[in-house]
Amino acid sequence: MKYLIILGDGMADEPICMLGGKTPLQAAVKPEMDWMARYGNNGLLDTIPEGFSPGSEIANLSILGYSLPDVFEGRGSLEAASMGVPIEDGEMAMRCNLITIEDGIIKNHSAGQISTEEADVLIRYLQDVLGGDGISFFTGVSYRHLLKFKGGSKHICCTPPHDVVGNPFREHLTRPDGPDGENTALRLNELILKSMEILPQHPVNQARARAGKDIATSIWPWSPGYRPEMQPLSSRYHQIRTGSVISAVDLIKGIGVYAGLVPVEVEGATGLYDTNYEGKAQAALDALREQDFVFLHIEASDEAGHDGDPELKVRTIEYLNDRIVRPVLSAVSLWDEAMSIALLPDHPTPCVIRTHTASPVPFTIYRTGGQSADPVMAFDEFSAREGYYGLMKASGFMDIFIGTGQNQ
């Protein structure tokens, strides 16, 4: 048996007036996704454990069966693993966005979806000007980068910038969460304010401004943590001896690294609607021919939700259907070896509020070779309520999917 998880980040949503009261999943034309739901088994998955915010790091770790209180050490340390940046004892890692602030208001969380090439120049500049004395900046992908803080404390309160678009930035600067976080919070806020002084005048930003694009006016560090301790999937599931992770996002690749999966690089994978869907599908199929398990992650729908663009979100779902699910189903239908394929989001990213929520998400599990299907006829948030699995906690998802649970 081979195992493939296809995860459309942030696909789930709420009914939207612009879409005739439908969610993007309901509005999208997605025959292969609906076919999987019709011939598979469905349910709703609660991916956010109590006490945790609905971030992609939380949801994806939960889906893979990890206990968040035991393993979670912030987003930055996970992304560092993908980037090959070691986190040593006494070091803290943080996600570091490039963002746009105008007139004191956070305009967007992504510096206008800045390119990796442009961002790399800015991050190197920040390292030259603001780095040192325990502070190091590392380039990631697009607006998503890494800040490493030697001697930093994770006992601070940070706000993800995508949660506060349209809000005054000063209301969401870093705050200490106890006395040992005071110096760290002070230092991080100094870095934010200094970045706002130097970034707007950089030639990369000036060129973007001339082109009518949003500029990277500031850094925004968040999600602090130390080096995590995670057991690889192969130690928890004997069915998974080898596996790969395919994503354009360092966070997901980093989770994969700690889970014992091999990151697969796909040329043209951007994390946006223009990503190389066909390349990702082919990479997944190639990996499955040699390995037991593949985690295939597509970011585009989440970005459309953060941008508040329902029509784009529908289009990203249709791209996922036509350019990933369809070719994958077509290929594995010819294989002799049995396949289990799961399709799901990690969390909702409703277009109306432009940030994540903790509502349960739909999932379907389809197995080649036949299985007793439930009554669900379409893949969406409301149809899944009638599924065989009902409402499940994410902690039980991998047991069901891999085959250690029921209905196999």
Protein backbone atom coordinates (compact mmCIF):
# COMPACT_ATOMS: atom_id res chain seq x y z
CA MET A 1 0.00 0.00 0.00
CA LYS A 2 1.18 3.50 -0.90
CA TYR A 3 -0.07 6.62 0.89
CA LEU A 4 -0.59 10.14 -0.49
CA ILE A 5 -1.96 13.18 1.34
CA ILE A 6 -3.03 16.06 -0.93
CA LEU A 7 -3.44 19.12 1.25
CA GLY A 8 -4.93 22.34 -0.15
CA ASP A 9 -3.87 24.91 2.42
CA GLY A 10 -6.78 27.07 3.60
CA MET A 11 -9.27 25.67 1.02
CA ALA A 12 -12.15 25.59 3.49
CA ASP A 13 -14.24 28.74 3.88
CA GLU A 14 -17.68 30.09 4.75
CA PRO A 15 -20.62 30.88 2.42
CA ILE A 16 -19.90 34.06 0.43
CA CYS A 17 -22.53 36.39 -1.05
CA MET A 18 -20.42 37.00 -4.16
CA LEU A 19 -20.57 33.25 -4.82
CA GLY A 20 -24.33 33.01 -4.41
CA GLY A 21 -24.14 31.94 -0.80
CA LYS A 22 -21.75 29.09 -1.57
CA THR A 23 -18.29 28.41 -0.24
CA PRO A 24 -15.42 28.39 -2.77
CA LEU A 25 -15.35 24.59 -2.52
CA GLN A 26 -19.06 24.45 -3.37
CA ALA A 27 -18.74 27.01 -6.17
CA ALA A 28 -15.70 25.43 -7.83
CA VAL A 29 -16.05 22.99 -10.73
CA LYS A 30 -14.00 20.09 -9.39
CA PRO A 31 -15.25 16.75 -10.78
CA GLU A 32 -12.26 14.69 -9.63
CA MET A 33 -12.42 15.96 -6.05
CA ASP A 34 -16.14 15.19 -5.98
CA TRP A 35 -15.45 11.76 -7.49
CA MET A 36 -13.04 11.02 -4.65
CA ALA A 37 -15.69 12.02 -2.12
CA ARG A 38 -18.32 9.92 -3.90
CA TYR A 39 -16.21 6.76 -3.98
CA GLY A 40 -14.33 7.34 -0.73
CA ASN A 41 -15.25 7.98 2.87
CA ASN A 42 -15.64 11.45 4.32
CA GLY A 43 -15.80 13.45 7.48
CA LEU A 44 -14.93 16.67 9.25
CA LEU A 45 -11.57 17.05 10.97
CA ASP A 46 -10.89 19.26 13.96
CA THR A 47 -7.28 20.20 13.28
CA ILE A 48 -6.70 22.81 16.01
CA PRO A 49 -6.21 21.46 19.54
CA GLU A 50 -7.69 23.42 22.39
CA GLY A 51 -5.46 26.24 23.53
CA PHE A 52 -3.68 26.70 20.19
CA SER A 53 -4.25 29.31 17.51
CA PRO A 54 -5.34 28.13 14.03
CA GLY A 55 -1.98 28.42 12.29
CA SER A 56 -0.78 26.19 9.48
CA GLU A 57 2.02 24.90 11.70
CA ILE A 58 -0.51 23.75 14.32
CA ALA A 59 -2.93 22.22 11.81
CA ASN A 60 -0.34 20.34 9.77
CA LEU A 61 1.44 18.94 12.81
CA SER A 62 -1.95 17.80 14.13
CA ILE A 63 -2.90 16.15 10.83
CA LEU A 64 0.36 14.19 10.93
CA GLY A 65 -0.57 12.95 14.39
CA TYR A 66 1.81 14.92 16.59
CA SER A 67 0.88 16.04 20.11
CA LEU A 68 1.26 19.82 20.00
CA PRO A 69 2.02 20.30 23.72
CA ASP A 70 4.90 17.83 23.33
CA VAL A 71 6.51 18.99 20.09
CA PHE A 72 5.54 22.54 19.15
CA GLU A 73 8.37 25.08 19.32
CA GLY A 74 7.16 27.80 17.00
CA ARG A 75 7.10 28.23 13.26
CA GLY A 76 10.60 29.59 12.91
CA SER A 77 12.38 26.48 14.13
CA LEU A 78 10.40 24.33 11.69
CA GLU A 79 11.21 26.61 8.78
CA ALA A 80 14.87 26.60 9.80
CA ALA A 81 14.97 22.83 9.28
CA SER A 82 13.76 23.25 5.71
CA MET A 83 16.35 25.96 5.08
CA GLY A 84 19.19 23.89 6.52
CA VAL A 85 19.78 26.44 9.30
CA PRO A 86 20.73 24.70 12.56
CA ILE A 87 19.12 25.86 15.80
CA GLU A 88 21.70 25.47 18.54
CA ASP A 89 21.22 25.37 22.30
CA GLY A 90 20.51 28.87 23.54
CA GLU A 91 19.11 30.03 20.20
CA MET A 92 15.56 31.01 19.36
CA ALA A 93 14.13 31.02 15.83
CA MET A 94 11.24 33.10 14.51
CA ARG A 95 9.35 33.47 11.24
CA CYS A 96 10.23 36.89 9.87
CA ASN A 97 7.80 38.34 7.32
CA LEU A 98 8.46 41.24 5.02
CA ILE A 99 5.27 43.31 5.23
CA THR A 100 3.78 46.57 4.00
CA ILE A 101 2.84 49.29 6.50
CA GLU A 102 1.24 52.50 5.24
CA ASP A 103 0.36 55.44 7.49
CA GLY A 104 0.91 53.29 10.53
CA ILE A 105 -1.51 50.59 9.30
CA ILE A 106 -0.55 47.05 8.28
CA LYS A 107 -1.61 46.99 4.63
CA ASN A 108 -0.60 43.41 3.89
CA HIS A 109 1.36 40.52 5.38
CA SER A 110 3.41 39.78 2.26
CA ALA A 111 4.99 43.03 0.98
CA GLY A 112 2.71 42.73 -2.03
CA GLN A 113 3.70 39.07 -2.64
CA ILE A 114 7.30 40.14 -3.12
CA SER A 115 9.43 37.79 -5.23
CA THR A 116 12.08 35.62 -3.62
CA GLU A 117 14.76 37.29 -5.75
CA GLU A 118 13.81 40.76 -4.52
CA ALA A 119 13.40 39.58 -0.95
CA ASP A 120 16.80 37.91 -0.93
CA VAL A 121 18.48 41.25 -1.68
CA LEU A 122 16.55 42.90 1.16
CA ILE A 123 17.25 40.14 3.67
CA ARG A 124 20.98 40.28 2.90
CA TYR A 125 20.82 44.04 3.36
CA LEU A 126 19.06 43.63 6.71
CA GLN A 127 21.74 41.19 7.82
CA ASP A 128 24.46 43.66 6.89
CA VAL A 129 22.80 46.60 8.66
CA LEU A 130 20.83 45.05 11.54
CA GLY A 131 22.46 41.64 11.96
CA GLY A 132 25.12 40.73 14.49
CA ASP A 133 25.16 40.72 18.29
CA GLY A 134 23.16 37.49 18.31
CA ILE A 135 20.75 38.48 15.48
CA SER A 136 20.85 36.67 12.11
CA PHE A 137 18.51 36.93 9.10
CA PHE A 138 18.10 34.12 6.54
CA THR A 139 16.28 34.23 3.20
CA GLY A 140 13.27 31.96 2.71
CA VAL A 141 10.63 32.13 -0.03
CA SER A 142 8.77 35.28 -1.12
CA TYR A 143 7.83 37.19 2.05
CA ARG A 144 8.57 34.28 4.44
CA HIS A 145 12.00 34.47 6.09
CA LEU A 146 13.86 33.48 9.25
CA LEU A 147 15.28 35.43 12.18
CA LYS A 148 17.58 33.64 14.61
CA PHE A 149 18.17 35.23 18.02
CA LYS A 150 21.00 33.92 20.20
CA GLY A 151 19.97 34.26 23.82
CA GLY A 152 16.40 35.18 22.89
CA SER A 153 13.50 34.07 25.03
CA LYS A 154 10.37 32.50 23.56
CA HIS A 155 8.33 33.94 26.44
CA ILE A 156 6.95 36.78 24.33
CA CYS A 157 3.59 37.55 22.73
CA CYS A 158 3.71 38.01 18.94
CA THR A 159 0.87 38.51 16.49
CA PRO A 160 0.89 36.88 13.04
CA PRO A 161 0.68 39.78 10.57
CA HIS A 162 -1.96 38.06 8.44
CA ASP A 163 -4.27 38.20 11.46
CA VAL A 164 -4.12 41.99 11.79
CA VAL A 165 -4.16 43.40 8.27
CA GLY A 166 -5.86 46.81 8.44
CA ASN A 167 -4.81 47.40 12.06
CA PRO A 168 -2.31 49.89 13.50
CA PHE A 169 1.04 48.12 13.73
CA ARG A 170 1.95 49.66 17.08
CA GLU A 171 -0.97 47.90 18.74
CA HIS A 172 0.58 44.57 17.79
CA LEU A 173 4.26 45.01 18.52
CA THR A 174 5.96 42.28 20.53
CA ARG A 175 5.09 42.10 24.23
CA PRO A 176 6.85 40.14 27.00
CA ASP A 177 5.06 37.14 28.44
CA GLY A 178 6.80 37.26 31.77
CA PRO A 179 9.94 38.97 33.07
CA ASP A 180 12.42 36.84 31.10
CA GLY A 181 10.85 37.99 27.83
CA GLU A 182 11.25 41.72 28.44
CA ASN A 183 14.69 42.17 26.85
CA THR A 184 13.76 40.00 23.88
CA ALA A 185 10.56 41.96 23.21
CA LEU A 186 12.44 45.26 23.47
CA ARG A 187 15.14 44.10 21.04
CA LEU A 188 12.65 42.79 18.49
CA ASN A 189 10.63 46.00 18.52
CA GLU A 190 13.82 47.97 18.01
CA LEU A 191 14.57 45.83 14.95
CA ILE A 192 11.09 46.41 13.54
CA LEU A 193 11.33 50.18 13.95
CA LYS A 194 14.87 50.32 12.53
CA SER A 195 13.79 48.24 9.52
CA MET A 196 11.04 50.78 8.86
CA GLU A 197 13.70 53.49 8.68
CA ILE A 198 16.00 51.76 6.22
CA LEU A 199 13.88 49.53 3.96
CA PRO A 200 11.75 52.11 2.07
CA GLN A 201 14.85 53.77 0.58
CA HIS A 202 16.41 50.55 -0.70
CA PRO A 203 16.68 50.36 -4.52
CA VAL A 204 14.59 47.16 -4.62
CA ASN A 205 11.70 48.95 -2.91
CA GLN A 206 12.13 52.09 -4.98
CA ALA A 207 11.88 49.99 -8.15
CA ARG A 208 8.75 48.29 -6.82
CA ALA A 209 7.20 51.67 -6.00
CA ARG A 210 7.89 52.95 -9.52
CA ALA A 211 6.16 49.85 -10.86
CA GLY A 212 3.09 50.56 -8.71
CA LYS A 213 3.72 47.60 -6.38
CA ASP A 214 3.53 47.51 -2.60
CA ILE A 215 6.96 47.76 -1.00
CA ALA A 216 8.53 45.90 1.91
CA THR A 217 8.45 48.63 4.53
CA SER A 218 9.15 46.50 7.60
CA ILE A 219 10.12 43.16 9.03
CA TRP A 220 7.63 41.38 11.31
CA PRO A 221 9.06 38.59 13.51
CA TRP A 222 6.60 36.14 15.10
CA SER A 223 6.09 32.53 16.29
CA PRO A 224 9.20 32.09 18.47
CA GLY A 225 10.61 28.76 19.60
CA TYR A 226 13.62 26.59 20.26
CA ARG A 227 14.72 23.40 18.50
CA PRO A 228 11.84 20.84 18.61
CA GLU A 229 12.08 17.13 19.35
CA MET A 230 9.88 15.10 16.99
CA GLN A 231 9.69 11.38 16.38
CA PRO A 232 9.85 10.46 12.67
CA LEU A 233 6.73 8.97 11.10
CA SER A 234 8.66 5.77 10.34
CA SER A 235 9.04 5.17 14.09
CA ARG A 236 5.30 5.56 14.65
CA TYR A 237 3.92 3.72 11.61
CA HIS A 238 5.59 0.58 10.32
CA GLN A 239 3.83 1.10 6.98
CA ILE A 240 5.89 4.25 6.38
CA ARG A 241 9.48 3.21 5.86
CA THR A 242 10.30 6.04 3.47
CA GLY A 243 8.53 9.24 2.46
CA SER A 244 8.73 12.70 0.91
CA VAL A 245 7.26 16.13 1.43
CA ILE A 246 6.49 18.42 -1.53
CA SER A 247 5.76 22.08 -0.84
CA ALA A 248 6.86 25.57 -1.80
CA VAL A 249 6.61 26.63 1.85
CA ASP A 250 9.56 26.28 4.23
CA LEU A 251 7.22 25.66 7.16
CA ILE A 252 5.77 22.53 5.60
CA LYS A 253 9.12 21.29 4.34
CA GLY A 254 10.53 21.83 7.84
CA ILE A 255 7.73 19.80 9.43
CA GLY A 256 8.54 17.12 6.88
CA VAL A 257 12.23 17.14 7.76
CA TYR A 258 11.50 16.65 11.47
CA ALA A 259 8.97 13.94 10.53
CA GLY A 260 11.70 12.07 8.65
CA LEU A 261 10.47 12.96 5.15
CA VAL A 262 12.73 13.96 2.27
CA PRO A 263 11.93 17.43 0.82
CA VAL A 264 11.45 17.38 -2.96
CA GLU A 265 12.22 20.60 -4.79
CA VAL A 266 9.95 21.43 -7.74
CA GLU A 267 11.06 24.08 -10.19
CA GLY A 268 8.49 26.87 -10.44
CA ALA A 269 6.78 26.07 -7.11
CA THR A 270 5.84 29.50 -5.78
CA GLY A 271 3.21 29.02 -3.07
CA LEU A 272 0.81 31.15 -5.15
CA TYR A 273 -1.86 30.58 -7.80
CA ASP A 274 0.86 30.54 -10.47
CA THR A 275 2.71 27.61 -8.89
CA ASN A 276 3.86 24.64 -10.97
CA TYR A 277 0.90 22.34 -10.30
CA GLU A 278 1.90 19.85 -13.00
CA GLY A 279 5.44 19.65 -11.65
CA LYS A 280 4.17 18.98 -8.16
CA ALA A 281 1.83 16.23 -9.38
CA GLN A 282 4.63 14.56 -11.32
CA ALA A 283 7.01 14.86 -8.37
CA ALA A 284 4.45 13.16 -6.13
CA LEU A 285 3.97 10.30 -8.58
CA ASP A 286 7.71 9.87 -9.04
CA ALA A 287 8.26 9.77 -5.29
CA LEU A 288 5.44 7.27 -4.75
CA ARG A 289 7.01 4.84 -7.20
CA GLU A 290 9.99 4.55 -4.85
CA GLN A 291 8.60 5.45 -1.44
CA ASP A 292 5.70 4.60 0.84
CA PHE A 293 4.31 8.01 1.76
CA VAL A 294 4.07 11.49 0.20
CA PHE A 295 2.76 14.68 1.76
CA LEU A 296 1.83 17.01 -1.12
CA HIS A 297 1.05 20.55 0.02
CA ILE A 298 -0.40 23.35 -2.14
CA GLU A 299 -0.48 26.85 -0.64
CA ALA A 300 -2.40 28.85 -3.26
CA SER A 301 -5.92 28.78 -1.76
CA ASP A 302 -4.65 30.05 1.58
CA GLU A 303 -3.03 33.07 -0.07
CA ALA A 304 -6.25 33.81 -1.97
CA GLY A 305 -8.13 33.70 1.34
CA HIS A 306 -5.66 36.09 2.96
CA ASP A 307 -6.09 38.41 -0.02
CA GLY A 308 -9.88 38.30 0.43
CA ASP A 309 -10.38 37.20 -3.19
CA PRO A 310 -13.21 34.63 -3.55
CA GLU A 311 -12.92 34.36 -7.33
CA LEU A 312 -9.20 33.65 -7.12
CA LYS A 313 -9.82 31.11 -4.38
CA VAL A 314 -12.32 29.27 -6.58
CA ARG A 315 -9.78 29.30 -9.39
CA THR A 316 -7.03 27.86 -7.17
CA ILE A 317 -9.34 25.01 -6.14
CA GLU A 318 -10.14 24.29 -9.78
CA TYR A 319 -6.43 24.35 -10.62
CA LEU A 320 -5.81 21.86 -7.82
CA ASN A 321 -8.54 19.62 -9.19
CA ASP A 322 -7.54 19.83 -12.86
CA ARG A 323 -3.77 19.92 -12.55
CA ILE A 324 -3.06 17.74 -9.53
CA VAL A 325 -5.98 15.53 -8.49
CA ARG A 326 -6.96 14.57 -12.05
CA PRO A 327 -3.50 13.50 -13.27
CA VAL A 328 -2.76 11.72 -9.99
CA LEU A 329 -5.98 9.70 -10.12
CA SER A 330 -5.41 8.90 -13.79
CA ALA A 331 -1.88 7.65 -13.14
CA VAL A 332 -2.53 5.55 -10.04
CA SER A 333 -5.55 3.89 -11.68
CA LEU A 334 -3.01 2.02 -13.84
CA TRP A 335 -0.76 0.93 -10.98
CA ASP A 336 -0.80 -2.61 -9.66
CA GLU A 337 -0.05 -1.52 -6.09
CA ALA A 338 -2.94 -0.28 -3.95
CA MET A 339 -3.12 3.40 -3.02
CA SER A 340 -4.68 5.37 -0.19
CA ILE A 341 -5.24 9.04 -1.05
CA ALA A 342 -6.45 11.67 1.41
CA LEU A 343 -7.69 15.08 0.29
CA LEU A 344 -8.22 17.91 2.78
CA PRO A 345 -7.40 21.48 3.83
CA ASP A 346 -5.49 22.15 7.03
CA HIS A 347 -7.80 24.95 8.26
CA PRO A 348 -10.29 27.42 6.81
CA THR A 349 -9.05 30.80 5.56
CA PRO A 350 -12.35 32.65 5.00
CA CYS A 351 -12.12 35.38 2.39
CA VAL A 352 -14.41 37.68 4.36
CA ILE A 353 -12.10 37.90 7.39
CA ARG A 354 -8.84 37.14 5.51
CA THR A 355 -7.34 34.99 8.25
CA HIS A 356 -7.44 31.46 9.62
CA THR A 357 -10.22 30.03 11.77
CA ALA A 358 -10.39 26.89 13.88
CA SER A 359 -13.55 25.45 12.29
CA PRO A 360 -13.37 21.76 11.31
CA VAL A 361 -12.40 21.03 7.71
CA PRO A 362 -13.75 18.45 5.24
CA PHE A 363 -11.66 15.43 4.36
CA THR A 364 -12.03 12.40 2.15
CA ILE A 365 -10.04 9.17 2.03
CA TYR A 366 -10.15 7.19 -1.21
CA ARG A 367 -8.55 3.78 -1.63
CA THR A 368 -7.95 2.11 -4.98
CA GLY A 369 -9.26 -1.39 -5.34
CA GLY A 370 -12.66 -0.57 -3.89
CA GLN A 371 -14.18 0.21 -0.51
CA SER A 372 -17.66 0.69 0.88
CA ALA A 373 -18.46 4.35 0.21
CA ASP A 374 -20.63 6.61 2.36
CA PRO A 375 -23.54 8.75 1.00
CA VAL A 376 -21.44 11.89 0.38
CA MET A 377 -21.51 13.00 -3.27
CA ALA A 378 -19.34 16.15 -3.25
CA PHE A 379 -16.22 17.44 -1.55
CA ASP A 380 -17.12 20.49 0.51
CA GLU A 381 -17.65 21.71 4.05
CA PHE A 382 -21.37 20.85 4.23
CA SER A 383 -21.50 17.55 2.35
CA ALA A 384 -18.74 16.15 4.57
CA ARG A 385 -21.06 16.39 7.58
CA GLU A 386 -22.90 13.31 6.27
CA GLY A 387 -19.70 11.29 5.95
CA TYR A 388 -18.85 7.98 7.55
CA TYR A 389 -16.24 9.40 9.89
CA GLY A 390 -18.40 12.20 11.30
CA LEU A 391 -16.44 14.78 13.28
CA MET A 392 -12.95 13.61 14.23
CA LYS A 393 -10.03 15.03 16.14
CA ALA A 394 -6.92 15.36 14.02
CA SER A 395 -5.00 13.21 16.49
CA GLY A 396 -6.81 10.17 15.06
CA PHE A 397 -6.49 11.03 11.37
CA MET A 398 -3.22 9.24 10.60
CA ASP A 399 -4.42 6.05 12.34
CA ILE A 400 -7.47 6.02 10.07
CA PHE A 401 -5.54 6.94 6.96
CA ILE A 402 -2.57 4.62 7.37
CA GLY A 403 -4.70 1.70 8.42
CA THR A 404 -4.25 1.28 12.16
CA GLY A 405 -7.80 2.55 12.80
CA GLN A 406 -11.27 1.48 11.69
CA ASN A 407 -12.94 1.15 8.27
CA GLN A 408 -9.89 -0.12 6.42
